[in-house]
Amino acid sequence: MKHKKKQRTRKQKALCRGIVFAVFLGLALYFHLFCLTPMQTIRATEFRMGLEPTEIVLSKDNLYLSESENVLMLSNHRPRLNVLVLPPPVAVMDKSHSPLIVAGGYSLTDYRNNQMTVHLVGEVFLEGAASVRAYHKDELQPFLRAVELTAEVFTADNGNRYFWSVTRFELDKDTPIPFNLDVLDENGAVLYTCNMLDTWAGESIQ
């Protein structure tokens, strides 16, 4: 004898949908499939790169500087689904070897508005440091434009010393990013020199 299939009640259907949604949401959060807040963007980057958790210390223009004991990280936050787009640009600066300074940055080339924006950012552990200067070590070809980026060193609320400058200019020439950096004292004397070749991120708007 055939048994009649029992119809689920409206309450049971709603409960089933709720369970499915909760499972999907849990998986999405675990694998960082969406980034609706700055911390979600930062956690997604840490997850992808195998980094320890960091905490936000500074922010500017949708960029967030976060750090842990071993890492200083610059992240670009925009609400996004990570399954649909490439990972957000990020600069990771290693502090694990007790450096005198960690530095990097982010460049945004906006072809629609014919403008480039460059962020120079980092943390200083060197006594007497008052400012930093990024520059091109070698002379550039005539069709390239050399730029110098500068930033003042300041003490944040957490007691650590950082720098962060924003430079904007028109796209009338190709402008390579300056990777050489000097740390200066209050009189402009060079205290330390380093290279930032591996700690820059960037993107463009067509």
Protein backbone atom coordinates (compact mmCIF):
# COMPACT_ATOMS: atom_id res chain seq x y z
CA MET A 1 0.00 0.00 0.00
CA LYS A 2 1.35 3.37 -1.08
CA HIS A 3 1.79 5.93 1.66
CA LYS A 4 0.82 9.48 0.90
CA LYS A 5 3.80 11.85 0.98
CA LYS A 6 3.38 14.14 3.94
CA GLN A 7 3.37 17.84 2.96
CA ARG A 8 5.65 20.05 4.98
CA THR A 9 4.00 22.87 6.84
CA ARG A 10 4.80 26.52 6.18
CA LYS A 11 6.67 26.63 9.48
CA GLN A 12 8.82 23.64 8.53
CA LYS A 13 9.63 25.17 5.12
CA ALA A 14 10.65 28.45 6.75
CA LEU A 15 12.83 26.58 9.24
CA CYS A 16 14.50 24.61 6.43
CA ARG A 17 15.22 27.80 4.46
CA GLY A 18 16.61 29.41 7.61
CA ILE A 19 18.98 26.49 8.20
CA VAL A 20 20.21 26.56 4.56
CA PHE A 21 20.78 30.32 4.77
CA ALA A 22 22.64 29.99 8.10
CA VAL A 23 24.93 27.30 6.64
CA PHE A 24 25.62 29.40 3.53
CA LEU A 25 26.32 32.50 5.64
CA GLY A 26 28.66 30.55 7.91
CA LEU A 27 30.63 29.21 4.93
CA ALA A 28 30.73 32.67 3.30
CA LEU A 29 32.10 34.22 6.50
CA TYR A 30 34.62 31.42 7.01
CA PHE A 31 36.00 31.67 3.46
CA HIS A 32 35.65 35.50 3.36
CA LEU A 33 33.49 35.46 0.22
CA PHE A 34 32.29 39.02 0.81
CA CYS A 35 33.83 42.16 2.28
CA LEU A 36 31.21 44.64 3.42
CA THR A 37 33.28 46.30 6.16
CA PRO A 38 36.96 47.34 6.39
CA MET A 39 37.67 44.56 8.92
CA GLN A 40 36.19 41.95 6.57
CA THR A 41 38.50 43.19 3.81
CA ILE A 42 41.48 42.98 6.16
CA ARG A 43 40.51 39.50 7.44
CA ALA A 44 40.09 38.27 3.83
CA THR A 45 43.61 39.48 2.99
CA GLU A 46 45.07 37.84 6.10
CA PHE A 47 43.24 34.60 5.23
CA ARG A 48 44.54 34.63 1.63
CA MET A 49 48.13 35.45 2.60
CA GLY A 50 48.35 33.32 5.74
CA LEU A 51 48.95 36.30 8.03
CA GLU A 52 48.20 36.67 11.72
CA PRO A 53 45.30 39.00 12.72
CA THR A 54 46.03 42.73 12.53
CA GLU A 55 44.24 45.72 14.02
CA ILE A 56 43.45 49.02 12.27
CA VAL A 57 45.64 51.93 13.41
CA LEU A 58 45.04 54.58 10.69
CA SER A 59 42.76 55.16 7.69
CA LYS A 60 42.57 57.57 4.76
CA ASP A 61 40.68 57.56 1.39
CA ASN A 62 39.24 54.04 1.92
CA LEU A 63 42.75 52.74 2.67
CA TYR A 64 43.33 51.12 6.05
CA LEU A 65 46.66 50.66 7.80
CA SER A 66 46.57 47.73 10.20
CA GLU A 67 49.30 46.00 12.15
CA SER A 68 50.29 43.12 14.34
CA GLU A 69 53.56 42.46 16.13
CA ASN A 70 55.14 41.20 12.89
CA VAL A 71 53.29 42.91 10.04
CA LEU A 72 52.19 46.36 8.89
CA MET A 73 49.55 46.11 6.16
CA LEU A 74 47.87 48.64 3.87
CA SER A 75 44.48 47.47 2.54
CA ASN A 76 42.07 49.03 0.06
CA HIS A 77 38.45 48.57 1.18
CA ARG A 78 35.47 48.67 -1.12
CA PRO A 79 32.34 46.55 -0.51
CA ARG A 80 32.80 43.57 -2.79
CA LEU A 81 32.19 39.88 -3.42
CA ASN A 82 35.55 38.13 -3.47
CA VAL A 83 34.23 35.37 -5.71
CA LEU A 84 33.52 37.86 -8.50
CA VAL A 85 36.54 40.17 -8.49
CA LEU A 86 40.28 40.05 -7.94
CA PRO A 87 41.61 40.47 -4.39
CA PRO A 88 41.93 44.09 -3.23
CA PRO A 89 45.37 45.72 -3.66
CA VAL A 90 47.46 45.41 -0.54
CA ALA A 91 50.98 46.27 0.63
CA VAL A 92 52.48 44.04 3.31
CA MET A 93 55.51 45.25 5.28
CA ASP A 94 57.44 42.74 7.40
CA LYS A 95 58.34 43.88 10.94
CA SER A 96 59.47 40.48 12.23
CA HIS A 97 63.21 41.19 11.80
CA SER A 98 63.06 44.39 13.96
CA PRO A 99 63.77 46.92 11.18
CA LEU A 100 64.48 50.62 11.75
CA ILE A 101 61.65 51.49 9.36
CA VAL A 102 58.99 49.73 7.27
CA ALA A 103 57.62 51.61 4.27
CA GLY A 104 55.41 51.05 1.28
CA GLY A 105 52.47 52.56 -0.48
CA TYR A 106 49.62 52.49 -2.94
CA SER A 107 49.10 54.23 -6.28
CA LEU A 108 45.79 54.79 -8.07
CA THR A 109 45.94 55.77 -11.76
CA ASP A 110 42.64 57.37 -12.79
CA TYR A 111 42.61 57.62 -16.59
CA ARG A 112 39.03 58.92 -16.62
CA ASN A 113 40.04 62.04 -14.68
CA ASN A 114 43.64 62.11 -15.95
CA GLN A 115 45.05 61.93 -12.42
CA MET A 116 47.36 59.76 -10.32
CA THR A 117 47.15 59.53 -6.52
CA VAL A 118 50.07 58.13 -4.55
CA HIS A 119 50.03 57.19 -0.85
CA LEU A 120 53.39 56.91 0.92
CA VAL A 121 52.96 55.14 4.26
CA GLY A 122 54.96 53.35 6.92
CA GLU A 123 56.16 53.06 10.51
CA VAL A 124 59.43 54.36 11.99
CA PHE A 125 61.40 52.81 14.87
CA LEU A 126 64.47 55.04 14.45
CA GLU A 127 65.28 57.63 17.12
CA GLY A 128 65.40 61.22 15.89
CA ALA A 129 63.40 60.60 12.70
CA ALA A 130 61.29 63.63 11.72
CA SER A 131 60.33 62.95 8.08
CA VAL A 132 60.89 60.67 5.11
CA ARG A 133 61.59 61.30 1.43
CA ALA A 134 61.01 58.86 -1.46
CA TYR A 135 62.91 59.56 -4.67
CA HIS A 136 64.40 58.10 -7.87
CA LYS A 137 68.00 57.06 -7.32
CA ASP A 138 68.92 57.21 -11.01
CA GLU A 139 68.18 59.89 -13.60
CA LEU A 140 65.04 59.16 -15.61
CA GLN A 141 64.55 59.38 -19.36
CA PRO A 142 63.04 62.66 -20.72
CA PHE A 143 59.67 61.04 -21.45
CA LEU A 144 59.33 60.00 -17.78
CA ARG A 145 58.50 62.33 -14.93
CA ALA A 146 60.49 62.07 -11.71
CA VAL A 147 58.52 62.74 -8.54
CA GLU A 148 59.66 63.11 -4.95
CA LEU A 149 57.30 62.06 -2.18
CA THR A 150 57.65 63.40 1.34
CA ALA A 151 55.88 62.73 4.64
CA GLU A 152 56.17 63.94 8.23
CA VAL A 153 56.67 61.40 11.02
CA PHE A 154 54.02 61.66 13.76
CA THR A 155 53.02 59.79 16.90
CA ALA A 156 49.59 58.10 16.76
CA ASP A 157 47.18 57.47 19.63
CA ASN A 158 48.71 54.04 20.25
CA GLY A 159 52.15 55.62 20.88
CA ASN A 160 53.73 54.27 17.69
CA ARG A 161 55.29 56.56 15.06
CA TYR A 162 53.98 56.54 11.50
CA PHE A 163 54.01 58.60 8.32
CA TRP A 164 51.35 58.89 5.63
CA SER A 165 51.28 61.40 2.79
CA VAL A 166 48.96 61.69 -0.23
CA THR A 167 50.27 63.19 -3.49
CA ARG A 168 48.10 63.88 -6.55
CA PHE A 169 49.21 65.02 -10.00
CA GLU A 170 48.05 65.15 -13.63
CA LEU A 171 48.88 62.32 -16.03
CA ASP A 172 50.80 64.40 -18.56
CA LYS A 173 53.76 61.98 -18.52
CA ASP A 174 54.45 58.41 -17.44
CA THR A 175 55.35 58.58 -13.76
CA PRO A 176 57.25 55.65 -12.23
CA ILE A 177 56.93 55.24 -8.48
CA PRO A 178 60.09 56.24 -6.52
CA PHE A 179 61.31 53.22 -4.57
CA ASN A 180 64.29 54.70 -2.71
CA LEU A 181 63.57 56.23 0.69
CA ASP A 182 65.59 58.38 3.10
CA VAL A 183 64.72 58.92 6.76
CA LEU A 184 65.58 62.47 7.80
CA ASP A 185 66.09 64.21 11.13
CA GLU A 186 64.58 67.62 11.96
CA ASN A 187 67.53 69.36 10.23
CA GLY A 188 67.10 67.39 7.01
CA ALA A 189 70.15 65.15 7.55
CA VAL A 190 69.83 61.55 6.32
CA LEU A 191 69.64 59.05 9.18
CA TYR A 192 68.88 55.91 7.18
CA THR A 193 68.22 54.78 3.59
CA CYS A 194 66.16 51.82 2.39
CA ASN A 195 64.40 50.41 -0.68
CA MET A 196 60.63 49.89 -1.03
CA LEU A 197 60.58 47.91 -4.29
CA ASP A 198 58.56 44.99 -2.88
CA THR A 199 56.06 46.90 -0.73
CA TRP A 200 53.93 48.84 -3.23
CA ALA A 201 50.43 48.10 -4.47
CA GLY A 202 48.47 49.80 -7.20
CA GLU A 203 45.54 49.73 -9.55
CA SER A 204 44.02 51.80 -12.34
CA ILE A 205 40.59 53.11 -13.32
CA GLN A 206 40.03 53.06 -17.08
